[in-house]
């Protein structure tokens, strides 16, 4: 039988496929490895300044001000403990004392970072520097900037009042905003719960379509994010971005720094070229590995939203999700009366919006992230059944409407065969589905 191998934690997961399944395409990112001297490239980028914005000049003008470092949380794999010393060297060299610096984790609605997680993520160079997570559920901790894209923008007060905000993040494909990074670290990363929910709803309006990999001209969520960032900088302070693409070892393969929007656009174009890959023909079976966004259920599900357009309508999606963080604070229903098959029948009969609304009304205790997850899942299973492989989630025995969760790959393959029948099946594989996405050979075919 043919075998495939995908990243799985520190090692590889070997998968044996049925003899009548044929791997037609294995889609991997086309990123060069980071050079050994990537830290030197980063140091030079800090003072070359995309958009004529030099970190040295910004710091010199704000020696007495508050400097914020906006960084990713535990759900992302950026090597912050190696990146931050390069940035902090510039900040301290400019005469900014550690007491003027604060680290804010742009965790959005994710649970706050524990002290142990923060220590591991930030490294020794940040010892003694104040750090905290976004308090998304505390109205008093946020202020209103105005409206952008029809959304009321409420942002963390400390972020809004900082004299210099330094965004430090990877740019990678995003299921709704086209690409992550840029001002998205603040909106929704450092925003109030209602703003976070409203921004995410921009990606769920109307008919389901591929948003991952789209540019700002066609992406309502990114337009609102960038408009909110512009409002923030007009109100007070300046935002500076340090952006990079990560290679297979999670090291910066390409780096840019400077003015937020042009820096983000530059890195998004590079990301599109490296991570958006042409799928010649949709598969009967799509095997999507959530690596490297496989920390918890929500992060892992994004690989399905990223890659689902590489499966034909009603084709089987097998998602491989390590989920070492389990549900990571997501509240799920303790009981769901319908099997995944019957849930999918209802979705296809009533429509994803109607059933998503029904689920959230019947289960009012769902947290904001879970309610959003339900709507996204309903849109997905309307088109394709999902067979998720996750030993951790299987052990938790936590049902989620419409998802079939299995402890091993063999069980998921058997379920997919029952759905598809015993005939020959074309297989498309995304070993790094968390950071890659399909590009159709002809525009328009992704909405089939």
Protein backbone atom coordinates (compact mmCIF):
# COMPACT_ATOMS: atom_id res chain seq x y z
CA UNK A 1 0.00 0.00 0.00
CA UNK A 2 1.26 3.52 -0.69
CA UNK A 3 2.46 5.49 2.31
CA UNK A 4 2.68 9.17 3.12
CA UNK A 5 4.54 10.89 5.93
CA UNK A 6 3.57 14.18 7.61
CA UNK A 7 5.05 16.23 10.48
CA UNK A 8 3.70 15.17 13.86
CA UNK A 9 5.13 16.82 16.95
CA UNK A 10 8.90 16.37 17.01
CA UNK A 11 8.70 13.47 14.54
CA UNK A 12 6.72 12.16 11.57
CA UNK A 13 3.41 10.33 11.27
CA UNK A 14 3.48 7.47 8.74
CA UNK A 15 0.14 6.76 7.06
CA UNK A 16 -0.78 3.66 5.07
CA UNK A 17 -3.48 4.34 2.47
CA UNK A 18 -5.90 1.86 0.86
CA UNK A 19 -4.51 0.34 -2.34
CA UNK A 20 -7.25 1.94 -4.46
CA UNK A 21 -6.39 5.44 -3.19
CA UNK A 22 -3.89 7.28 -5.39
CA UNK A 23 -1.93 10.30 -4.18
CA UNK A 24 -2.26 12.77 -7.03
CA UNK A 25 -0.58 15.72 -5.35
CA UNK A 26 1.36 16.45 -2.16
CA UNK A 27 1.32 20.19 -1.49
CA UNK A 28 4.25 21.56 0.52
CA UNK A 29 5.30 25.19 1.09
CA UNK A 30 8.03 26.47 -1.22
CA UNK A 31 10.10 28.37 1.36
CA UNK A 32 13.87 28.46 1.47
CA UNK A 33 15.53 27.69 4.78
CA UNK A 34 16.45 30.60 7.02
CA UNK A 35 20.13 31.56 6.63
CA UNK A 36 22.45 30.84 9.56
CA UNK A 37 22.92 34.59 10.04
CA UNK A 38 19.20 35.44 10.06
CA UNK A 39 19.72 37.50 13.23
CA UNK A 40 22.02 39.83 11.29
CA UNK A 41 19.38 40.18 8.56
CA UNK A 42 16.83 41.05 11.26
CA UNK A 43 19.14 43.65 12.82
CA UNK A 44 19.68 45.32 9.44
CA UNK A 45 15.95 45.26 8.66
CA UNK A 46 15.17 47.17 11.85
CA UNK A 47 17.00 50.21 10.56
CA UNK A 48 16.40 49.97 6.82
CA UNK A 49 12.72 50.71 7.42
CA UNK A 50 10.04 49.87 4.86
CA UNK A 51 8.19 53.14 4.27
CA UNK A 52 11.20 55.16 5.51
CA UNK A 53 10.42 54.27 9.14
CA UNK A 54 13.63 53.55 11.10
CA UNK A 55 13.38 51.98 14.54
CA UNK A 56 16.42 53.96 15.67
CA UNK A 57 14.79 57.30 14.85
CA UNK A 58 11.47 56.27 16.39
CA UNK A 59 13.16 55.25 19.63
CA UNK A 60 15.32 58.40 19.75
CA UNK A 61 12.16 60.52 19.65
CA UNK A 62 10.52 58.51 22.46
CA UNK A 63 13.22 57.98 25.08
CA UNK A 64 10.84 59.07 27.81
CA UNK A 65 7.76 57.32 26.45
CA UNK A 66 6.11 53.92 26.83
CA UNK A 67 7.21 51.20 24.42
CA UNK A 68 4.99 48.18 23.85
CA UNK A 69 6.13 44.88 22.34
CA UNK A 70 3.09 43.15 20.82
CA UNK A 71 3.87 39.45 20.45
CA UNK A 72 2.20 36.15 19.61
CA UNK A 73 0.88 33.75 22.24
CA UNK A 74 1.46 30.04 22.81
CA UNK A 75 -0.69 29.02 19.81
CA UNK A 76 2.00 30.31 17.42
CA UNK A 77 5.45 28.86 16.80
CA UNK A 78 7.59 31.95 16.21
CA UNK A 79 10.96 31.67 18.02
CA UNK A 80 10.37 34.81 20.09
CA UNK A 81 13.05 33.91 22.61
CA UNK A 82 15.60 34.26 19.77
CA UNK A 83 13.99 37.24 18.00
CA UNK A 84 13.37 39.45 21.03
CA UNK A 85 17.05 39.84 22.03
CA UNK A 86 17.74 41.46 18.64
CA UNK A 87 14.84 43.90 19.03
CA UNK A 88 15.54 44.64 22.70
CA UNK A 89 19.18 45.39 21.93
CA UNK A 90 18.02 48.27 19.72
CA UNK A 91 15.46 49.47 22.28
CA UNK A 92 17.92 49.46 25.17
CA UNK A 93 20.71 50.98 23.09
CA UNK A 94 18.40 53.95 22.45
CA UNK A 95 18.28 54.63 26.19
CA UNK A 96 14.83 53.16 26.86
CA UNK A 97 14.77 51.61 30.34
CA UNK A 98 13.16 48.23 30.98
CA UNK A 99 10.65 50.01 33.25
CA UNK A 100 9.30 51.82 30.18
CA UNK A 101 8.77 48.59 28.23
CA UNK A 102 5.78 46.26 28.39
CA UNK A 103 5.12 43.00 26.56
CA UNK A 104 1.51 42.36 25.55
CA UNK A 105 0.47 38.97 24.21
CA UNK A 106 -1.97 39.46 21.32
CA UNK A 107 -4.05 36.51 22.41
CA UNK A 108 -7.45 37.82 21.25
CA UNK A 109 -9.97 35.48 22.91
CA UNK A 110 -7.42 32.77 23.67
CA UNK A 111 -6.85 32.04 27.38
CA UNK A 112 -4.24 34.29 29.01
CA UNK A 113 -0.66 33.07 29.04
CA UNK A 114 0.47 31.37 32.23
CA UNK A 115 3.72 32.52 33.84
CA UNK A 116 5.43 29.32 32.70
CA UNK A 117 4.21 29.74 29.13
CA UNK A 118 5.29 33.39 29.07
CA UNK A 119 8.74 32.57 30.46
CA UNK A 120 9.29 29.89 27.84
CA UNK A 121 7.96 32.04 25.01
CA UNK A 122 9.88 35.23 25.82
CA UNK A 123 13.22 33.89 27.05
CA UNK A 124 15.81 35.29 29.45
CA UNK A 125 16.17 38.71 27.81
CA UNK A 126 12.66 39.66 28.92
CA UNK A 127 13.16 38.80 32.59
CA UNK A 128 12.05 41.78 34.64
CA UNK A 129 9.98 43.35 31.84
CA UNK A 130 6.26 43.67 32.58
CA UNK A 131 4.05 41.38 30.51
CA UNK A 132 0.37 40.60 30.26
CA UNK A 133 -2.29 39.14 27.98
CA UNK A 134 -5.24 40.87 26.30
CA UNK A 135 -8.12 41.16 28.80
CA UNK A 136 -10.75 40.67 26.12
CA UNK A 137 -13.67 40.27 28.55
CA UNK A 138 -12.98 43.41 30.62
CA UNK A 139 -14.87 46.43 29.20
CA UNK A 140 -12.99 48.84 31.47
CA UNK A 141 -9.67 47.71 29.97
CA UNK A 142 -10.68 48.88 26.47
CA UNK A 143 -11.57 52.18 24.84
CA UNK A 144 -13.60 52.95 21.72
CA UNK A 145 -11.72 54.26 18.68
CA UNK A 146 -14.65 54.54 16.26
CA UNK A 147 -16.03 52.38 13.46
CA UNK A 148 -14.19 50.57 10.69
CA UNK A 149 -15.83 48.32 8.12
CA UNK A 150 -19.11 48.60 10.01
CA UNK A 151 -17.46 47.33 13.22
CA UNK A 152 -17.25 49.20 16.54
CA UNK A 153 -13.53 49.19 17.31
CA UNK A 154 -12.66 48.81 20.99
CA UNK A 155 -8.98 48.34 21.79
CA UNK A 156 -6.86 47.74 24.89
CA UNK A 157 -6.26 51.07 26.67
CA UNK A 158 -2.61 50.40 27.37
CA UNK A 159 -1.99 49.56 23.72
CA UNK A 160 -3.82 52.68 22.56
CA UNK A 161 -1.93 54.96 24.95
CA UNK A 162 1.57 53.63 24.20
CA UNK A 163 3.98 56.04 22.53
CA UNK A 164 5.54 53.30 20.38
CA UNK A 165 3.95 49.96 19.54
CA UNK A 166 6.28 47.34 18.05
CA UNK A 167 4.41 44.45 16.41
CA UNK A 168 6.50 41.26 16.22
CA UNK A 169 4.86 38.41 14.34
CA UNK A 170 4.99 35.92 11.50
CA UNK A 171 2.94 36.45 8.35
CA UNK A 172 1.11 33.28 7.33
CA UNK A 173 -2.11 32.37 5.51
CA UNK A 174 -5.29 33.19 7.44
CA UNK A 175 -8.67 31.61 6.76
CA UNK A 176 -10.55 34.96 6.90
CA UNK A 177 -8.15 37.91 6.80
CA UNK A 178 -6.20 36.52 3.82
CA UNK A 179 -2.93 36.61 5.76
CA UNK A 180 -2.11 37.01 9.44
CA UNK A 181 0.22 39.63 10.84
CA UNK A 182 0.24 43.41 10.54
CA UNK A 183 -2.43 45.29 12.44
CA UNK A 184 -4.25 41.99 13.00
CA UNK A 185 -2.02 41.64 16.07
CA UNK A 186 -4.06 44.50 17.56
CA UNK A 187 -7.40 44.03 15.82
CA UNK A 188 -8.52 41.49 17.01
CA UNK A 189 -5.37 40.46 18.97
CA UNK A 190 -5.67 43.25 21.56
CA UNK A 191 -9.37 44.07 21.22
CA UNK A 192 -12.53 43.71 23.27
CA UNK A 193 -14.67 40.59 22.90
CA UNK A 194 -17.43 42.27 20.89
CA UNK A 195 -14.93 43.75 18.42
CA UNK A 196 -13.26 40.36 18.03
CA UNK A 197 -16.60 38.69 17.30
CA UNK A 198 -17.69 41.38 14.86
CA UNK A 199 -14.41 41.27 12.92
CA UNK A 200 -14.66 37.51 12.58
CA UNK A 201 -18.25 37.74 11.39
CA UNK A 202 -17.05 39.79 8.40
CA UNK A 203 -15.58 36.58 7.03
CA UNK A 204 -18.80 34.60 7.42
CA UNK A 205 -21.21 36.84 5.53
CA UNK A 206 -22.96 35.49 2.47
CA UNK A 207 -22.00 32.40 0.51
CA UNK A 208 -18.96 30.46 1.69
CA UNK A 209 -15.95 31.26 -0.46
CA UNK A 210 -12.19 31.02 -0.25
CA UNK A 211 -10.77 33.94 1.72
CA UNK A 212 -7.41 32.49 2.68
CA UNK A 213 -4.71 34.04 0.51
CA UNK A 214 -6.88 36.91 -0.74
CA UNK A 215 -5.49 40.44 -0.89
CA UNK A 216 -6.82 43.56 0.78
CA UNK A 217 -8.83 44.69 -2.25
CA UNK A 218 -11.18 41.71 -1.91
CA UNK A 219 -11.01 41.00 1.83
CA UNK A 220 -13.44 42.88 4.08
CA UNK A 221 -11.83 41.72 7.32
CA UNK A 222 -8.35 42.94 6.31
CA UNK A 223 -9.82 46.26 5.13
CA UNK A 224 -11.44 46.78 8.54
CA UNK A 225 -8.25 45.74 10.36
CA UNK A 226 -6.07 48.19 8.44
CA UNK A 227 -8.60 51.02 8.80
CA UNK A 228 -8.66 50.43 12.57
CA UNK A 229 -4.86 50.49 12.67
CA UNK A 230 -4.80 53.82 10.85
CA UNK A 231 -7.31 55.25 13.35
CA UNK A 232 -5.15 54.03 16.22
CA UNK A 233 -2.02 55.76 14.94
CA UNK A 234 -3.93 58.97 14.22
CA UNK A 235 -5.17 59.00 17.82
CA UNK A 236 -1.82 58.56 19.61
CA UNK A 237 1.61 57.05 19.17
CA UNK A 238 3.18 55.16 16.30
CA UNK A 239 3.05 51.49 15.35
CA UNK A 240 6.10 49.76 13.90
CA UNK A 241 6.09 46.22 12.49
CA UNK A 242 8.68 43.44 12.54
CA UNK A 243 7.36 40.75 10.19
CA UNK A 244 8.81 37.49 8.91
CA UNK A 245 8.06 34.20 7.16
CA UNK A 246 8.96 31.00 9.02
CA UNK A 247 10.69 28.05 7.37
CA UNK A 248 10.09 24.38 8.19
CA UNK A 249 12.23 24.73 11.32
CA UNK A 250 10.21 27.77 12.51
CA UNK A 251 13.08 30.17 11.85
CA UNK A 252 12.75 33.49 9.96
CA UNK A 253 13.46 32.75 6.29
CA UNK A 254 12.57 36.29 5.20
CA UNK A 255 12.34 39.47 7.31
CA UNK A 256 11.02 43.01 6.85
CA UNK A 257 10.43 45.86 9.29
CA UNK A 258 9.00 49.35 9.17
CA UNK A 259 5.64 50.99 8.49
CA UNK A 260 2.92 48.44 9.23
CA UNK A 261 0.79 48.31 6.09
CA UNK A 262 3.52 48.32 3.40
CA UNK A 263 5.61 45.90 5.45
CA UNK A 264 2.67 43.55 5.78
CA UNK A 265 1.81 43.82 2.08
CA UNK A 266 5.40 42.94 1.15
CA UNK A 267 5.49 39.86 3.37
CA UNK A 268 1.97 38.78 2.32
CA UNK A 269 3.07 38.73 -1.32
CA UNK A 270 6.07 36.57 -0.43
CA UNK A 271 3.83 34.31 1.65
CA UNK A 272 1.35 33.95 -1.23
CA UNK A 273 4.14 32.90 -3.59
CA UNK A 274 5.58 30.38 -1.13
CA UNK A 275 2.45 28.97 0.53
CA UNK A 276 -0.29 29.33 -2.09
CA UNK A 277 0.14 26.33 -4.36
CA UNK A 278 -1.79 25.34 -7.48
CA UNK A 279 -4.01 22.26 -7.09
CA UNK A 280 -4.61 20.93 -10.58
CA UNK A 281 -7.66 18.85 -9.70
CA UNK A 282 -9.68 18.68 -6.45
CA UNK A 283 -9.30 15.39 -4.62
CA UNK A 284 -11.92 12.84 -3.69
CA UNK A 285 -9.97 12.72 -0.43
CA UNK A 286 -8.18 15.67 1.14
CA UNK A 287 -5.69 14.83 3.90
CA UNK A 288 -4.93 18.07 5.74
CA UNK A 289 -2.37 18.01 8.54
CA UNK A 290 -2.84 20.94 10.94
CA UNK A 291 0.94 21.35 11.44
CA UNK A 292 2.28 23.83 12.53
CA UNK A 293 -1.04 25.32 13.76
CA UNK A 294 -2.03 22.22 15.73
CA UNK A 295 -1.93 23.41 19.35
CA UNK A 296 -5.67 23.17 20.08
CA UNK A 297 -9.01 22.42 18.42
CA UNK A 298 -9.63 25.94 17.10
CA UNK A 299 -6.12 26.35 15.66
CA UNK A 300 -6.23 22.87 14.13
CA UNK A 301 -9.60 23.45 12.49
CA UNK A 302 -8.11 26.38 10.58
CA UNK A 303 -6.19 23.93 8.39
CA UNK A 304 -9.55 22.60 7.17
CA UNK A 305 -10.81 26.10 6.41
CA UNK A 306 -7.49 26.84 4.66
CA UNK A 307 -7.40 23.75 2.45
CA UNK A 308 -11.01 22.58 2.00
CA UNK A 309 -11.17 24.01 -1.52
CA UNK A 310 -8.72 21.28 -2.59
CA UNK A 311 -11.46 18.67 -2.03
CA UNK A 312 -14.29 18.20 -4.49
CA UNK A 313 -17.80 18.88 -3.20
CA UNK A 314 -18.88 15.95 -1.00
CA UNK A 315 -15.32 14.61 -1.00
CA UNK A 316 -13.89 13.42 2.32
CA UNK A 317 -11.66 15.69 4.43
CA UNK A 318 -9.36 13.88 6.84
CA UNK A 319 -7.85 16.36 9.29
CA UNK A 320 -4.81 15.34 11.34
CA UNK A 321 -4.78 17.39 14.55
CA UNK A 322 -2.33 16.70 17.36
CA UNK A 323 -4.02 19.24 19.70
CA UNK A 324 -1.57 19.01 22.60
CA UNK A 325 -3.50 21.91 24.19
CA UNK A 326 -6.82 20.09 23.87
CA UNK A 327 -9.75 22.52 23.84
CA UNK A 328 -7.58 25.29 25.37
CA UNK A 329 -10.45 26.99 27.16
CA UNK A 330 -13.06 26.53 24.42
CA UNK A 331 -16.42 25.65 25.95
CA UNK A 332 -18.08 22.81 24.04
CA UNK A 333 -21.51 21.23 24.56
CA UNK A 334 -21.49 18.34 27.02
CA UNK A 335 -24.13 16.62 24.92
CA UNK A 336 -25.12 16.82 21.26
CA UNK A 337 -28.03 14.54 20.28
CA UNK A 338 -27.26 14.14 16.57
CA UNK A 339 -24.57 12.09 14.88
CA UNK A 340 -22.18 13.92 12.52
CA UNK A 341 -24.06 12.35 9.59
CA UNK A 342 -27.44 13.64 10.77
CA UNK A 343 -25.96 17.02 11.65
CA UNK A 344 -24.64 17.30 8.09
CA UNK A 345 -28.04 16.35 6.66
CA UNK A 346 -29.62 19.15 8.68
CA UNK A 347 -26.97 21.64 7.54
CA UNK A 348 -27.54 20.74 3.91
CA UNK A 349 -31.29 21.02 4.37
CA UNK A 350 -31.54 24.16 6.51
CA UNK A 351 -28.33 25.93 5.50
CA UNK A 352 -25.28 26.63 7.69
CA UNK A 353 -26.46 30.02 8.97
CA UNK A 354 -29.83 28.71 10.13
CA UNK A 355 -28.41 25.65 11.89
CA UNK A 356 -25.52 27.65 13.36
CA UNK A 357 -28.02 30.10 14.86
CA UNK A 358 -30.13 27.20 16.15
CA UNK A 359 -27.13 25.55 17.84
CA UNK A 360 -26.04 28.74 19.58
CA UNK A 361 -29.63 29.40 20.77
CA UNK A 362 -30.01 25.85 22.10
CA UNK A 363 -26.61 26.05 23.80
CA UNK A 364 -26.42 29.62 25.13
CA UNK A 365 -23.44 28.71 27.31
CA UNK A 366 -21.14 28.47 24.30
CA UNK A 367 -18.27 30.91 24.60
CA UNK A 368 -17.75 33.48 21.86
CA UNK A 369 -14.99 31.51 20.17
CA UNK A 370 -17.02 28.29 20.21
CA UNK A 371 -20.08 30.05 18.78
CA UNK A 372 -17.97 31.39 15.94
CA UNK A 373 -16.40 27.95 15.50
CA UNK A 374 -19.89 26.39 15.14
CA UNK A 375 -20.78 28.75 12.29
CA UNK A 376 -17.48 28.12 10.50
CA UNK A 377 -17.88 24.36 10.96
CA UNK A 378 -21.44 24.44 9.63
CA UNK A 379 -20.28 26.21 6.46
CA UNK A 380 -17.56 23.60 6.00
CA UNK A 381 -19.57 20.43 6.59
CA UNK A 382 -22.30 21.66 4.25
CA UNK A 383 -19.78 21.06 1.46
CA UNK A 384 -17.66 18.20 2.86
CA UNK A 385 -17.82 15.66 5.71
CA UNK A 386 -14.91 15.99 8.16
CA UNK A 387 -13.06 13.08 9.76
CA UNK A 388 -10.70 14.47 12.41
CA UNK A 389 -7.82 12.40 13.79
CA UNK A 390 -6.84 13.55 17.29
CA UNK A 391 -5.93 11.15 20.10
CA UNK A 392 -6.13 14.01 22.62
CA UNK A 393 -9.62 15.16 21.61
CA UNK A 394 -10.83 11.58 21.33
CA UNK A 395 -9.75 10.95 24.93
CA UNK A 396 -11.65 14.05 26.06
CA UNK A 397 -14.84 12.61 24.52
CA UNK A 398 -16.13 16.13 23.95
CA UNK A 399 -18.68 16.17 21.11
CA UNK A 400 -18.71 19.05 18.69
CA UNK A 401 -21.67 19.39 16.29
CA UNK A 402 -20.86 17.81 12.93
CA UNK A 403 -17.29 16.63 13.66
CA UNK A 404 -16.33 12.95 13.63
CA UNK A 405 -13.28 12.57 15.90
CA UNK A 406 -11.12 9.44 15.84
CA UNK A 407 -8.14 8.30 17.96
CA UNK A 408 -6.18 7.05 14.96
CA UNK A 409 -5.75 7.44 11.21
CA UNK A 410 -6.97 3.95 10.31
CA UNK A 411 -10.38 4.57 11.87
CA UNK A 412 -10.75 7.87 9.99
CA UNK A 413 -9.77 6.27 6.68
CA UNK A 414 -12.32 3.50 7.24
CA UNK A 415 -15.04 6.09 7.91
CA UNK A 416 -14.05 8.02 4.78
CA UNK A 417 -14.25 4.80 2.74
CA UNK A 418 -17.76 4.17 4.02
CA UNK A 419 -18.72 7.64 2.83
CA UNK A 420 -16.99 7.41 -0.57
CA UNK A 421 -17.48 3.76 -1.48
CA UNK A 422 -14.86 1.24 -2.52
CA UNK A 423 -13.92 2.65 -5.93
CA UNK A 424 -10.67 4.42 -6.88
CA UNK A 425 -10.12 7.73 -5.08
CA UNK A 426 -7.84 10.68 -5.91
CA UNK A 427 -5.94 11.95 -2.85
CA UNK A 428 -4.53 15.43 -2.28
CA UNK A 429 -2.24 15.85 0.75
CA UNK A 430 -1.34 19.05 2.64
CA UNK A 431 1.39 18.00 5.13
CA UNK A 432 1.49 21.58 6.53
CA UNK A 433 -2.15 22.57 6.14
CA UNK A 434 -1.90 25.15 8.89
CA UNK A 435 0.30 27.40 6.73
CA UNK A 436 -0.50 26.47 3.11
CA UNK A 437 -3.52 26.90 0.89
CA UNK A 438 -4.70 25.79 -2.57
CA UNK A 439 -4.69 28.07 -5.59
CA UNK A 440 -7.13 26.83 -8.25
CA UNK A 441 -5.78 26.61 -11.83
CA UNK A 442 -8.77 28.70 -12.96
CA UNK A 443 -10.29 31.43 -10.82
CA UNK A 444 -13.83 30.67 -9.80
CA UNK A 445 -13.39 26.92 -9.47
CA UNK A 446 -12.82 27.24 -5.72
CA UNK A 447 -16.46 28.08 -5.17
CA UNK A 448 -17.76 24.93 -6.82
